[in-house]
Amino acid sequence: MKHTKEFKESAIQLVLNSNEEIKTIAQDLGMNHKTLYNWVYNYRRDNNLQTYNRTSSKASIKESSEEELRRLRKENRLLKQERDILKKATAYFAKETL
């Protein structure tokens, strides 16, 4: 499948600006994760950005304590929102079955 230049650039930026794994993003975009990995790897190399360590599935970049705390707080907020939605849905469906 041939992807447009705009699609490729958007996909690369999505990976660079997201905490999601490349495999997850590729799946969401309906594309092969190896293709997306190669796009990001080449983009990082061409723009003198730190690249992934090919011997590891994780990025070789170590996040600072502040970045980790920020990421975990964001994730915690999202999980609390999801929990609240599930509580409301459970209460709604419990009323419907009575």
N, C-alpha and C. Protein backbone atom coordinates (compact mmCIF):
# COMPACT_ATOMS: atom_id res chain seq x y z
N MET A 1 0.84 -1.18 0.00
CA MET A 1 0.00 0.00 0.00
C MET A 1 0.89 1.25 0.00
N LYS A 2 0.58 2.18 -0.83
CA LYS A 2 1.34 3.42 -0.94
C LYS A 2 0.67 4.48 -0.07
N HIS A 3 1.45 5.09 0.81
CA HIS A 3 0.93 6.12 1.70
C HIS A 3 1.37 7.48 1.19
N THR A 4 0.51 8.48 1.40
CA THR A 4 0.87 9.84 0.98
C THR A 4 1.94 10.41 1.88
N LYS A 5 2.61 11.42 1.39
CA LYS A 5 3.64 12.10 2.18
C LYS A 5 3.04 12.70 3.45
N GLU A 6 1.84 13.26 3.33
CA GLU A 6 1.16 13.86 4.49
C GLU A 6 0.84 12.81 5.54
N PHE A 7 0.37 11.64 5.09
CA PHE A 7 0.06 10.55 6.03
C PHE A 7 1.32 10.13 6.76
N LYS A 8 2.40 9.95 6.01
CA LYS A 8 3.67 9.53 6.59
C LYS A 8 4.15 10.53 7.64
N GLU A 9 4.12 11.82 7.30
CA GLU A 9 4.57 12.85 8.23
C GLU A 9 3.69 12.91 9.47
N SER A 10 2.38 12.78 9.28
CA SER A 10 1.46 12.78 10.42
C SER A 10 1.69 11.58 11.33
N ALA A 11 1.92 10.43 10.73
CA ALA A 11 2.16 9.22 11.52
C ALA A 11 3.45 9.35 12.33
N ILE A 12 4.49 9.90 11.72
CA ILE A 12 5.76 10.09 12.41
C ILE A 12 5.57 11.04 13.59
N GLN A 13 4.88 12.15 13.37
CA GLN A 13 4.65 13.11 14.44
C GLN A 13 3.80 12.52 15.56
N LEU A 14 2.87 11.68 15.19
CA LEU A 14 2.04 11.01 16.20
C LEU A 14 2.90 10.14 17.11
N VAL A 15 3.83 9.42 16.52
CA VAL A 15 4.74 8.57 17.31
C VAL A 15 5.63 9.44 18.20
N LEU A 16 6.18 10.50 17.63
CA LEU A 16 7.12 11.34 18.38
C LEU A 16 6.45 12.10 19.52
N ASN A 17 5.17 12.40 19.37
CA ASN A 17 4.47 13.21 20.37
C ASN A 17 3.53 12.39 21.24
N SER A 18 3.68 11.10 21.22
CA SER A 18 2.80 10.22 21.97
C SER A 18 3.62 9.31 22.88
N ASN A 19 2.99 8.85 23.92
CA ASN A 19 3.62 7.88 24.80
C ASN A 19 3.26 6.45 24.40
N GLU A 20 2.47 6.32 23.35
CA GLU A 20 2.06 5.00 22.88
C GLU A 20 3.21 4.32 22.15
N GLU A 21 3.20 3.01 22.15
CA GLU A 21 4.20 2.24 21.42
C GLU A 21 3.90 2.30 19.93
N ILE A 22 4.94 2.19 19.13
CA ILE A 22 4.80 2.25 17.69
C ILE A 22 3.83 1.17 17.20
N LYS A 23 3.91 0.00 17.79
CA LYS A 23 3.04 -1.11 17.38
C LYS A 23 1.57 -0.75 17.56
N THR A 24 1.25 -0.10 18.67
CA THR A 24 -0.13 0.29 18.95
C THR A 24 -0.61 1.36 17.97
N ILE A 25 0.24 2.35 17.73
CA ILE A 25 -0.12 3.42 16.81
C ILE A 25 -0.30 2.87 15.40
N ALA A 26 0.60 2.00 14.98
CA ALA A 26 0.50 1.40 13.65
C ALA A 26 -0.80 0.62 13.51
N GLN A 27 -1.16 -0.11 14.54
CA GLN A 27 -2.40 -0.87 14.51
C GLN A 27 -3.59 0.07 14.40
N ASP A 28 -3.57 1.16 15.15
CA ASP A 28 -4.66 2.14 15.09
C ASP A 28 -4.77 2.77 13.70
N LEU A 29 -3.62 2.94 13.04
CA LEU A 29 -3.60 3.54 11.71
C LEU A 29 -3.85 2.52 10.60
N GLY A 30 -3.91 1.25 10.97
CA GLY A 30 -4.16 0.20 9.99
C GLY A 30 -2.97 -0.07 9.08
N MET A 31 -1.78 -0.02 9.68
CA MET A 31 -0.58 -0.25 8.87
C MET A 31 0.37 -1.19 9.59
N ASN A 32 1.37 -1.66 8.88
CA ASN A 32 2.37 -2.55 9.44
C ASN A 32 3.27 -1.77 10.40
N HIS A 33 3.49 -2.34 11.60
CA HIS A 33 4.30 -1.63 12.60
C HIS A 33 5.76 -1.50 12.16
N LYS A 34 6.25 -2.44 11.37
CA LYS A 34 7.64 -2.36 10.92
C LYS A 34 7.84 -1.19 9.96
N THR A 35 6.83 -0.93 9.14
CA THR A 35 6.90 0.21 8.22
C THR A 35 6.97 1.50 9.02
N LEU A 36 6.10 1.64 10.01
CA LEU A 36 6.08 2.85 10.83
C LEU A 36 7.38 2.98 11.61
N TYR A 37 7.88 1.87 12.14
CA TYR A 37 9.14 1.90 12.87
C TYR A 37 10.26 2.43 11.96
N ASN A 38 10.30 1.93 10.73
CA ASN A 38 11.34 2.38 9.79
C ASN A 38 11.20 3.86 9.46
N TRP A 39 9.98 4.33 9.29
CA TRP A 39 9.76 5.75 9.02
C TRP A 39 10.31 6.60 10.16
N VAL A 40 9.98 6.21 11.38
CA VAL A 40 10.41 6.98 12.56
C VAL A 40 11.92 6.87 12.73
N TYR A 41 12.46 5.69 12.55
CA TYR A 41 13.90 5.50 12.68
C TYR A 41 14.65 6.39 11.69
N ASN A 42 14.21 6.37 10.43
CA ASN A 42 14.86 7.19 9.40
C ASN A 42 14.69 8.68 9.67
N TYR A 43 13.51 9.07 10.14
CA TYR A 43 13.27 10.48 10.48
C TYR A 43 14.22 10.93 11.59
N ARG A 44 14.33 10.12 12.64
CA ARG A 44 15.22 10.46 13.76
C ARG A 44 16.67 10.53 13.29
N ARG A 45 17.09 9.57 12.49
CA ARG A 45 18.46 9.55 11.99
C ARG A 45 18.72 10.78 11.11
N ASP A 46 17.82 11.08 10.20
CA ASP A 46 17.99 12.20 9.27
C ASP A 46 17.97 13.56 9.97
N ASN A 47 17.31 13.63 11.12
CA ASN A 47 17.20 14.89 11.85
C ASN A 47 18.05 14.92 13.11
N ASN A 48 19.02 14.01 13.18
CA ASN A 48 19.97 13.95 14.30
C ASN A 48 19.28 13.85 15.65
N LEU A 49 18.21 13.06 15.70
CA LEU A 49 17.53 12.80 16.96
C LEU A 49 17.95 11.43 17.45
N GLN A 50 17.84 11.20 18.73
CA GLN A 50 18.22 9.90 19.28
C GLN A 50 17.30 8.83 18.70
N THR A 51 17.90 7.73 18.26
CA THR A 51 17.13 6.66 17.65
C THR A 51 16.92 5.52 18.62
N TYR A 52 16.04 4.60 18.25
CA TYR A 52 15.79 3.41 19.05
C TYR A 52 16.97 2.47 18.97
N ASN A 53 17.17 1.76 20.03
CA ASN A 53 18.19 0.72 20.06
C ASN A 53 17.59 -0.52 19.40
N ARG A 54 18.14 -0.96 18.30
CA ARG A 54 17.57 -2.08 17.56
C ARG A 54 17.64 -3.40 18.33
N THR A 55 18.50 -3.49 19.34
CA THR A 55 18.59 -4.74 20.09
C THR A 55 17.54 -4.83 21.18
N SER A 56 16.80 -3.76 21.37
CA SER A 56 15.78 -3.73 22.41
C SER A 56 14.47 -3.25 21.81
N SER A 57 13.36 -3.74 22.34
CA SER A 57 12.06 -3.28 21.84
C SER A 57 11.67 -1.96 22.47
N LYS A 58 12.36 -1.56 23.51
CA LYS A 58 12.08 -0.28 24.17
C LYS A 58 13.03 0.79 23.66
N ALA A 59 12.61 2.03 23.81
CA ALA A 59 13.46 3.13 23.37
C ALA A 59 14.67 3.20 24.29
N SER A 60 15.80 3.59 23.73
CA SER A 60 17.02 3.69 24.53
C SER A 60 17.06 5.00 25.30
N ILE A 61 16.07 5.82 25.08
CA ILE A 61 16.01 7.10 25.78
C ILE A 61 15.49 6.87 27.19
N LYS A 62 16.19 7.38 28.16
CA LYS A 62 15.74 7.29 29.55
C LYS A 62 14.96 8.55 29.87
N GLU A 63 13.74 8.36 30.39
CA GLU A 63 12.97 9.54 30.73
C GLU A 63 13.38 10.02 32.11
N SER A 64 13.38 11.33 32.27
CA SER A 64 13.76 11.91 33.55
C SER A 64 12.64 11.66 34.56
N SER A 65 12.95 11.89 35.81
CA SER A 65 11.95 11.69 36.87
C SER A 65 10.75 12.61 36.66
N GLU A 66 11.03 13.85 36.22
CA GLU A 66 9.94 14.80 35.98
C GLU A 66 9.05 14.34 34.84
N GLU A 67 9.67 13.83 33.76
CA GLU A 67 8.89 13.33 32.62
C GLU A 67 8.06 12.13 33.01
N GLU A 68 8.68 11.24 33.79
CA GLU A 68 7.96 10.05 34.23
C GLU A 68 6.78 10.43 35.11
N LEU A 69 7.01 11.37 36.04
CA LEU A 69 5.94 11.82 36.93
C LEU A 69 4.81 12.47 36.14
N ARG A 70 5.16 13.28 35.15
CA ARG A 70 4.17 13.94 34.30
C ARG A 70 3.35 12.89 33.53
N ARG A 71 4.06 11.91 32.97
CA ARG A 71 3.40 10.85 32.21
C ARG A 71 2.47 10.03 33.11
N LEU A 72 2.96 9.68 34.29
CA LEU A 72 2.15 8.87 35.21
C LEU A 72 0.93 9.63 35.73
N ARG A 73 1.09 10.92 35.98
CA ARG A 73 -0.06 11.73 36.41
C ARG A 73 -1.11 11.81 35.31
N LYS A 74 -0.66 11.97 34.08
CA LYS A 74 -1.59 12.02 32.94
C LYS A 74 -2.32 10.68 32.82
N GLU A 75 -1.57 9.59 32.93
CA GLU A 75 -2.16 8.26 32.84
C GLU A 75 -3.15 8.04 33.98
N ASN A 76 -2.79 8.50 35.18
CA ASN A 76 -3.66 8.36 36.34
C ASN A 76 -4.96 9.13 36.14
N ARG A 77 -4.88 10.34 35.59
CA ARG A 77 -6.07 11.13 35.29
C ARG A 77 -6.99 10.40 34.31
N LEU A 78 -6.39 9.84 33.28
CA LEU A 78 -7.16 9.11 32.28
C LEU A 78 -7.82 7.88 32.90
N LEU A 79 -7.09 7.16 33.71
CA LEU A 79 -7.66 5.97 34.35
C LEU A 79 -8.81 6.33 35.29
N LYS A 80 -8.69 7.45 35.99
CA LYS A 80 -9.77 7.89 36.88
C LYS A 80 -11.01 8.26 36.06
N GLN A 81 -10.81 8.92 34.92
CA GLN A 81 -11.94 9.26 34.04
C GLN A 81 -12.62 8.00 33.54
N GLU A 82 -11.82 7.03 33.11
CA GLU A 82 -12.39 5.77 32.62
C GLU A 82 -13.15 5.05 33.72
N ARG A 83 -12.60 5.05 34.93
CA ARG A 83 -13.27 4.41 36.06
C ARG A 83 -14.61 5.08 36.35
N ASP A 84 -14.62 6.42 36.33
CA ASP A 84 -15.86 7.15 36.60
C ASP A 84 -16.93 6.86 35.54
N ILE A 85 -16.50 6.77 34.30
CA ILE A 85 -17.44 6.44 33.22
C ILE A 85 -18.01 5.05 33.43
N LEU A 86 -17.15 4.11 33.79
CA LEU A 86 -17.63 2.74 34.03
C LEU A 86 -18.57 2.67 35.23
N LYS A 87 -18.31 3.45 36.26
CA LYS A 87 -19.20 3.49 37.42
C LYS A 87 -20.59 3.98 37.01
N LYS A 88 -20.60 5.06 36.22
CA LYS A 88 -21.88 5.61 35.76
C LYS A 88 -22.62 4.62 34.87
N ALA A 89 -21.88 3.97 33.99
CA ALA A 89 -22.51 2.98 33.09
C ALA A 89 -23.07 1.82 33.89
N THR A 90 -22.33 1.37 34.89
CA THR A 90 -22.79 0.27 35.73
C THR A 90 -24.06 0.66 36.47
N ALA A 91 -24.09 1.86 37.03
CA ALA A 91 -25.28 2.33 37.75
C ALA A 91 -26.46 2.45 36.79
N TYR A 92 -26.24 2.94 35.60
CA TYR A 92 -27.31 3.09 34.61
C TYR A 92 -27.90 1.72 34.25
N PHE A 93 -27.03 0.77 33.94
CA PHE A 93 -27.52 -0.55 33.53
C PHE A 93 -28.12 -1.31 34.72
N ALA A 94 -27.66 -1.03 35.91
CA ALA A 94 -28.26 -1.67 37.10
C ALA A 94 -29.68 -1.18 37.28
N LYS A 95 -29.96 0.10 37.01
CA LYS A 95 -31.32 0.64 37.10
C LYS A 95 -32.22 0.02 36.05
N GLU A 96 -31.67 -0.17 34.85
CA GLU A 96 -32.45 -0.72 33.74
C GLU A 96 -32.90 -2.16 33.99
N THR A 97 -32.10 -2.92 34.72
CA THR A 97 -32.43 -4.33 34.95
C THR A 97 -33.39 -4.53 36.12
N LEU A 98 -33.61 -3.50 36.93
CA LEU A 98 -34.52 -3.64 38.08
C LEU A 98 -35.96 -3.52 37.69
